[in-house]
C-alpha cells in the first residue's frame, strides 16, 4: 500500500510540475540556487510553477548541479527535460562571424550592433583579430569577446610563425600580419594566395614597389569599401600605407587576415612572377615580364570596356 501511495504521489508531483506553458528564453546567473533558477524559469514561462518544479527536482532529479548560462525552452517541454537541460549545461548558442579581410572598424561596428553583448569598446588594433565564427553568451562584455578573438589570432600567428619558410621576408609579427593583410585583400581565391605572396616576396626582395590598390584605400576609409574609383591624387599620396608612392611594406596591417593568408605570407610560393592583374573571373593573370603584364592589362581593360566599366 505504501509503495502504491508513493508512486501515486510521484505521478501527482510530475503532473503538477506540468510542461513549459510557452516558449521561453532565460538566463541562469553564476552561483544561482535551484530555488532562484526555478523562480527565473517561472517568470520566463519555462515552468508552470516554481514550487512544483522544485518538488519534481527533489524527487526525480540527480545530484548534478545546474549550470549557468542562457537557455531556450520550447512550449510543452516537461519539467524533467528542463531540469536535464540545466544540469547538462546545454545553453543556447549565439554566434558572431568576422569575415576574412575585414578591417577592425567593421569588426567594431558588428560587435557594437550586437544586442546581446554589453559594454563599450575601442576599435581593436588593426590585424589583431582572427577572422572566424565565435560563440557568444547573452550579456557577455564586448571586451571579453574581443579578447578571445585576439587570443585566437595570437595562437594562429604563433603556429604559422613556427612553420615559416626561409624565403619569407617578414622579420616580425607586424610585418607578417601586414603582408598577410595585403594578400587577403588582393585575392578572393584560396588557390592564389601563395602565388600572390610569391609575387610580393619577389618585389620586396628587389626593392620594387608593391603597388597594391588596397593600401591606397586604407588611409582614406580605414579599410571600408571606397565606393568609387581611386583618384590620381590618391595614387600619388605619400603616407605610411600607400605602396604606390613608397617601396616596402606599409607601417601596419590594412585588415584582419585569416589563417591561410598568414601562412601564405610566411610560406610564399616559389615563382618568378613579378606582376599580376585581374582576369575578370575574380582571379588573376600572372606575368614574369613587364611586356607580358602590359598585354594582360590590355585584356583586362577590354573586359571592363565590354562590361561598360570603362570608356
Protein backbone atom coordinates (compact mmCIF):
# COMPACT_ATOMS: atom_id res chain seq x y z
CA UNK A 1 0.00 0.00 0.00
CA UNK A 2 2.86 2.39 0.90
CA UNK A 3 4.56 1.66 -2.43
CA UNK A 4 1.35 2.36 -4.33
CA UNK A 5 0.88 5.61 -2.41
CA UNK A 6 4.45 6.68 -3.11
CA UNK A 7 4.02 6.00 -6.81
CA UNK A 8 0.74 7.88 -6.79
CA UNK A 9 2.35 10.91 -5.11
CA UNK A 10 5.25 10.79 -7.56
CA UNK A 11 2.90 10.77 -10.52
CA UNK A 12 0.89 13.56 -8.96
CA UNK A 13 4.01 15.70 -8.49
CA UNK A 14 5.10 15.04 -12.06
CA UNK A 15 1.68 16.05 -13.33
CA UNK A 16 1.61 19.19 -11.19
CA UNK A 17 5.01 20.22 -12.46
CA UNK A 18 3.47 20.34 -15.93
CA UNK A 19 5.17 21.35 -19.17
CA UNK A 20 6.52 24.76 -20.16
CA UNK A 21 3.47 26.98 -20.77
CA UNK A 22 5.20 28.89 -23.61
CA UNK A 23 8.45 29.26 -25.50
CA UNK A 24 10.95 30.76 -23.09
CA UNK A 25 14.40 32.31 -23.19
CA UNK A 26 16.10 32.90 -19.83
CA UNK A 27 19.49 33.30 -18.17
CA UNK A 28 20.63 31.44 -15.07
CA UNK A 29 23.32 33.58 -13.43
CA UNK A 30 26.55 32.23 -11.98
CA UNK A 31 26.00 30.85 -8.47
CA UNK A 32 22.20 30.73 -8.70
CA UNK A 33 20.49 28.21 -6.42
CA UNK A 34 17.89 25.76 -7.66
CA UNK A 35 15.23 27.86 -5.94
CA UNK A 36 16.38 31.02 -7.69
CA UNK A 37 16.57 29.16 -11.02
CA UNK A 38 13.01 27.93 -10.58
CA UNK A 39 11.80 31.47 -9.89
CA UNK A 40 13.57 32.77 -13.01
CA UNK A 41 12.05 30.00 -15.12
CA UNK A 42 8.53 30.55 -13.78
CA UNK A 43 8.80 34.26 -14.60
CA UNK A 44 10.08 33.44 -18.12
CA UNK A 45 7.41 30.79 -18.72
CA UNK A 46 9.79 27.82 -18.85
CA UNK A 47 7.92 26.09 -15.99
CA UNK A 48 4.30 26.41 -14.84
CA UNK A 49 5.03 26.67 -11.13
CA UNK A 50 8.40 27.15 -9.40
CA UNK A 51 7.33 25.22 -6.28
CA UNK A 52 6.10 22.25 -8.29
CA UNK A 53 9.32 22.25 -10.30
CA UNK A 54 11.41 22.21 -7.12
CA UNK A 55 9.41 19.30 -5.70
CA UNK A 56 9.83 17.45 -9.01
CA UNK A 57 13.58 18.15 -8.95
CA UNK A 58 13.98 16.84 -5.39
CA UNK A 59 12.05 13.67 -6.15
CA UNK A 60 13.29 12.84 -9.65
CA UNK A 61 16.45 14.88 -10.22
CA UNK A 62 20.05 13.76 -9.87
CA UNK A 63 22.66 15.34 -7.61
CA UNK A 64 24.25 17.16 -10.55
CA UNK A 65 24.35 20.95 -10.04
CA UNK A 66 22.67 23.26 -12.53
CA UNK A 67 24.97 25.24 -14.80
CA UNK A 68 24.77 28.98 -15.50
CA UNK A 69 24.08 30.38 -18.94
CA UNK A 70 21.35 31.30 -21.37
CA UNK A 71 18.75 28.63 -22.08
CA UNK A 72 15.94 28.20 -24.56
CA UNK A 73 12.89 26.06 -23.78
CA UNK A 74 10.03 25.25 -26.14
CA UNK A 75 6.40 25.25 -25.03
CA UNK A 76 5.36 21.86 -23.66
CA UNK A 77 8.86 20.80 -22.56
CA UNK A 78 8.49 18.64 -19.44
CA UNK A 79 9.89 19.67 -16.08
CA UNK A 80 12.21 16.67 -16.22
CA UNK A 81 13.61 17.74 -19.58
CA UNK A 82 14.06 21.31 -18.35
CA UNK A 83 15.97 20.04 -15.32
CA UNK A 84 18.14 17.81 -17.52
CA UNK A 85 18.86 20.79 -19.77
CA UNK A 86 20.13 22.85 -16.83
CA UNK A 87 22.17 20.05 -15.31
CA UNK A 88 23.80 19.20 -18.65
CA UNK A 89 24.54 22.86 -19.35
CA UNK A 90 23.03 22.74 -22.84
CA UNK A 91 22.96 26.51 -23.15
CA UNK A 92 21.61 28.44 -26.10
CA UNK A 93 24.30 29.09 -28.68
CA UNK A 94 24.72 32.53 -30.24
CA UNK A 95 27.44 33.34 -32.73
CA UNK A 96 29.18 36.31 -34.29
CA UNK A 97 31.12 35.92 -37.55
CA UNK A 98 34.09 38.04 -38.62
CA UNK A 99 34.84 37.51 -42.34
CA UNK A 100 38.43 37.23 -43.54
CA UNK A 101 39.85 40.55 -44.65
CA UNK A 102 37.53 42.75 -42.60
CA UNK A 103 39.16 45.89 -41.21
CA UNK A 104 38.87 46.49 -37.50
CA UNK A 105 36.38 49.33 -37.93
CA UNK A 106 33.87 46.83 -39.39
CA UNK A 107 34.61 44.36 -36.57
CA UNK A 108 33.89 47.14 -34.08
CA UNK A 109 30.64 48.08 -35.81
CA UNK A 110 29.41 44.47 -35.84
CA UNK A 111 30.17 43.96 -32.15
CA UNK A 112 28.64 47.29 -31.14
CA UNK A 113 25.48 46.48 -33.13
CA UNK A 114 25.03 43.08 -31.49
CA UNK A 115 22.17 43.49 -28.97
CA UNK A 116 23.23 40.51 -26.86
CA UNK A 117 26.63 41.96 -25.91
CA UNK A 118 27.32 44.64 -23.32
CA UNK A 119 29.80 47.43 -22.69
CA UNK A 120 31.78 49.88 -24.76
CA UNK A 121 35.00 49.01 -26.60
CA UNK A 122 37.51 50.95 -28.69
CA UNK A 123 38.20 49.91 -32.27
CA UNK A 124 40.58 46.92 -31.95
CA UNK A 125 44.13 47.28 -33.23
CA UNK A 126 44.24 46.53 -36.96
CA UNK A 127 45.32 42.97 -37.65
CA UNK A 128 44.82 41.82 -34.05
CA UNK A 129 41.53 39.93 -34.67
CA UNK A 130 41.42 36.43 -36.14
CA UNK A 131 38.51 36.17 -38.60
CA UNK A 132 36.28 33.25 -37.57
CA UNK A 133 32.87 32.41 -36.10
CA UNK A 134 32.75 32.82 -32.33
CA UNK A 135 30.18 31.62 -29.79
CA UNK A 136 28.93 34.42 -27.55
CA UNK A 137 26.73 34.49 -24.48
CA UNK A 138 23.86 36.86 -23.82
CA UNK A 139 25.10 39.69 -21.63
CA UNK A 140 28.77 38.92 -22.33
CA UNK A 141 31.02 42.02 -22.33
CA UNK A 142 32.22 43.06 -25.79
CA UNK A 143 35.69 43.46 -24.33
CA UNK A 144 35.70 39.76 -23.42
CA UNK A 145 34.71 38.78 -26.98
CA UNK A 146 37.50 40.95 -28.44
CA UNK A 147 39.97 39.38 -26.01
CA UNK A 148 39.01 35.89 -27.24
CA UNK A 149 39.33 36.97 -30.87
CA UNK A 150 42.76 38.44 -30.20
CA UNK A 151 43.88 35.36 -28.26
CA UNK A 152 42.84 33.26 -31.27
CA UNK A 153 45.00 35.47 -33.53
CA UNK A 154 47.92 35.09 -31.11
CA UNK A 155 47.66 31.30 -31.36
CA UNK A 156 47.20 31.28 -35.14
CA UNK A 157 50.18 33.56 -35.68
CA UNK A 158 52.42 31.56 -33.33
CA UNK A 159 51.61 28.36 -35.23
CA UNK A 160 52.29 29.97 -38.62
CA UNK A 161 55.48 31.69 -37.44
CA UNK A 162 56.87 28.39 -36.13
CA UNK A 163 56.45 26.90 -39.64
CA UNK A 164 57.70 29.89 -41.67
CA UNK A 165 59.85 29.34 -44.74
CA UNK A 166 63.41 30.61 -45.11
CA UNK A 167 62.11 32.53 -48.15
CA UNK A 168 59.75 34.59 -46.04
CA UNK A 169 60.55 38.32 -45.99
CA UNK A 170 58.77 39.41 -42.77
CA UNK A 171 61.11 39.74 -39.81
CA UNK A 172 58.48 40.18 -37.11
CA UNK A 173 54.77 39.85 -36.38
CA UNK A 174 53.82 43.32 -37.60
CA UNK A 175 55.48 42.76 -40.97
CA UNK A 176 53.96 39.29 -41.32
CA UNK A 177 50.41 40.40 -40.49
CA UNK A 178 50.80 43.48 -42.69
CA UNK A 179 51.85 41.40 -45.72
CA UNK A 180 49.14 38.84 -44.96
CA UNK A 181 46.50 41.59 -44.84
CA UNK A 182 47.51 42.81 -48.31
CA UNK A 183 47.39 39.25 -49.67
CA UNK A 184 43.94 38.81 -48.11
CA UNK A 185 42.62 41.98 -49.75
CA UNK A 186 44.19 41.27 -53.15
CA UNK A 187 42.72 37.84 -53.87
CA UNK A 188 39.50 36.06 -53.01
CA UNK A 189 40.74 32.73 -54.38
CA UNK A 190 42.38 30.43 -51.87
CA UNK A 191 44.50 28.74 -54.54
CA UNK A 192 46.11 32.09 -55.46
CA UNK A 193 47.25 33.16 -52.01
CA UNK A 194 50.73 31.64 -52.09
CA UNK A 195 51.31 32.84 -55.66
CA UNK A 196 50.32 36.41 -54.74
CA UNK A 197 52.57 36.08 -51.70
CA UNK A 198 55.36 34.93 -54.01
CA UNK A 199 54.91 37.99 -56.25
CA UNK A 200 55.09 40.37 -53.29
CA UNK A 201 58.05 38.49 -51.83
CA UNK A 202 59.91 38.88 -55.13
CA UNK A 203 59.12 42.59 -55.24
CA UNK A 204 60.21 43.16 -51.66
CA UNK A 205 63.50 41.35 -52.28
CA UNK A 206 64.41 43.54 -55.27
CA UNK A 207 63.14 46.78 -53.74
CA UNK A 208 60.26 47.11 -56.18
CA UNK A 209 57.08 48.87 -55.03
CA UNK A 210 54.19 46.55 -54.15
CA UNK A 211 51.62 48.82 -55.85
CA UNK A 212 48.66 47.23 -54.03
CA UNK A 213 45.43 49.19 -54.50
CA UNK A 214 44.03 48.33 -51.04
CA UNK A 215 46.96 50.21 -49.45
CA UNK A 216 45.79 53.39 -51.21
CA UNK A 217 42.26 52.96 -49.88
CA UNK A 218 43.08 52.15 -46.24
CA UNK A 219 44.16 55.66 -45.14
CA UNK A 220 41.03 57.11 -46.78
CA UNK A 221 38.35 54.79 -45.35
CA UNK A 222 40.15 52.77 -42.66
CA UNK A 223 39.52 49.72 -44.83
CA UNK A 224 35.86 50.22 -45.68
CA UNK A 225 34.89 49.99 -49.38
CA UNK A 226 35.80 53.17 -51.23
CA UNK A 227 32.64 53.10 -53.35
CA UNK A 228 34.26 54.80 -56.32
CA UNK A 229 37.37 54.71 -58.48
CA UNK A 230 40.70 55.66 -56.94
CA UNK A 231 41.74 59.18 -57.89
CA UNK A 232 45.13 60.04 -59.39
CA UNK A 233 45.86 62.28 -56.42
CA UNK A 234 45.24 59.33 -54.08
CA UNK A 235 47.61 57.11 -56.09
CA UNK A 236 50.32 59.75 -55.64
CA UNK A 237 49.56 60.40 -51.97
CA UNK A 238 52.51 59.97 -49.62
CA UNK A 239 51.68 58.34 -46.29
CA UNK A 240 52.61 55.30 -44.26
CA UNK A 241 50.40 52.93 -46.25
CA UNK A 242 50.38 53.80 -49.96
CA UNK A 243 52.62 51.25 -51.68
CA UNK A 244 52.39 53.14 -54.98
CA UNK A 245 54.36 56.06 -53.53
CA UNK A 246 56.87 54.07 -51.49
CA UNK A 247 58.80 50.81 -51.55
CA UNK A 248 58.49 48.20 -48.82
CA UNK A 249 55.63 47.28 -46.55
CA UNK A 250 53.12 49.71 -45.03
CA UNK A 251 53.60 50.74 -41.41
CA UNK A 252 50.93 48.28 -40.31
CA UNK A 253 48.12 45.94 -41.39
CA UNK A 254 45.26 47.18 -43.57
CA UNK A 255 42.81 44.45 -42.43
CA UNK A 256 42.48 41.35 -40.29
CA UNK A 257 43.87 38.45 -42.35
CA UNK A 258 42.76 34.84 -42.00
CA UNK A 259 44.92 31.85 -41.16
CA UNK A 260 45.70 30.91 -44.77
CA UNK A 261 46.82 34.39 -45.76
CA UNK A 262 49.14 34.48 -42.74
CA UNK A 263 50.57 31.11 -43.75
CA UNK A 264 50.98 32.34 -47.34
CA UNK A 265 52.88 35.44 -46.20
CA UNK A 266 55.25 33.23 -44.24
CA UNK A 267 55.40 30.44 -46.85
CA UNK A 268 55.27 32.22 -50.22
CA UNK A 269 55.05 30.23 -53.41
CA UNK A 270 58.31 29.77 -55.33
CA UNK A 271 57.66 31.71 -58.52
CA UNK A 272 59.36 34.06 -60.98
CA UNK A 273 56.22 36.17 -61.31
CA UNK A 274 56.56 39.88 -60.54
CA UNK A 275 53.23 41.16 -61.90
CA UNK A 276 49.56 40.26 -61.78
CA UNK A 277 46.27 41.75 -62.88
CA UNK A 278 42.60 40.75 -62.60
CA UNK A 279 41.31 38.25 -65.16
CA UNK A 280 37.61 39.13 -64.95
CA UNK A 281 36.58 35.99 -63.05
CA UNK A 282 37.65 37.01 -59.55
CA UNK A 283 41.15 35.65 -60.11
CA UNK A 284 44.35 37.00 -61.62
CA UNK A 285 46.76 36.53 -64.53
CA UNK A 286 50.42 36.48 -63.51
CA UNK A 287 53.43 37.60 -65.54
CA UNK A 288 57.22 37.46 -65.37
CA UNK A 289 57.95 40.47 -67.56
CA UNK A 290 56.53 43.95 -67.97
CA UNK A 291 55.68 43.21 -71.62
CA UNK A 292 53.60 40.17 -70.59
CA UNK A 293 51.96 42.21 -67.87
CA UNK A 294 51.06 45.08 -70.20
CA UNK A 295 49.39 42.62 -72.60
CA UNK A 296 47.43 41.14 -69.68
CA UNK A 297 46.38 44.64 -68.57
CA UNK A 298 45.09 45.41 -72.08
CA UNK A 299 42.99 42.24 -71.98
CA UNK A 300 41.60 43.27 -68.58
CA UNK A 301 40.76 46.74 -69.87
CA UNK A 302 38.96 45.17 -72.85
CA UNK A 303 36.86 43.09 -70.44
CA UNK A 304 35.99 46.20 -68.42
CA UNK A 305 35.07 48.16 -71.53
CA UNK A 306 32.81 45.31 -72.63
CA UNK A 307 31.12 45.45 -69.23
CA UNK A 308 30.62 49.20 -69.50
CA UNK A 309 33.02 49.89 -66.64
CA UNK A 310 35.41 51.91 -68.82
CA UNK A 311 35.07 54.10 -71.89
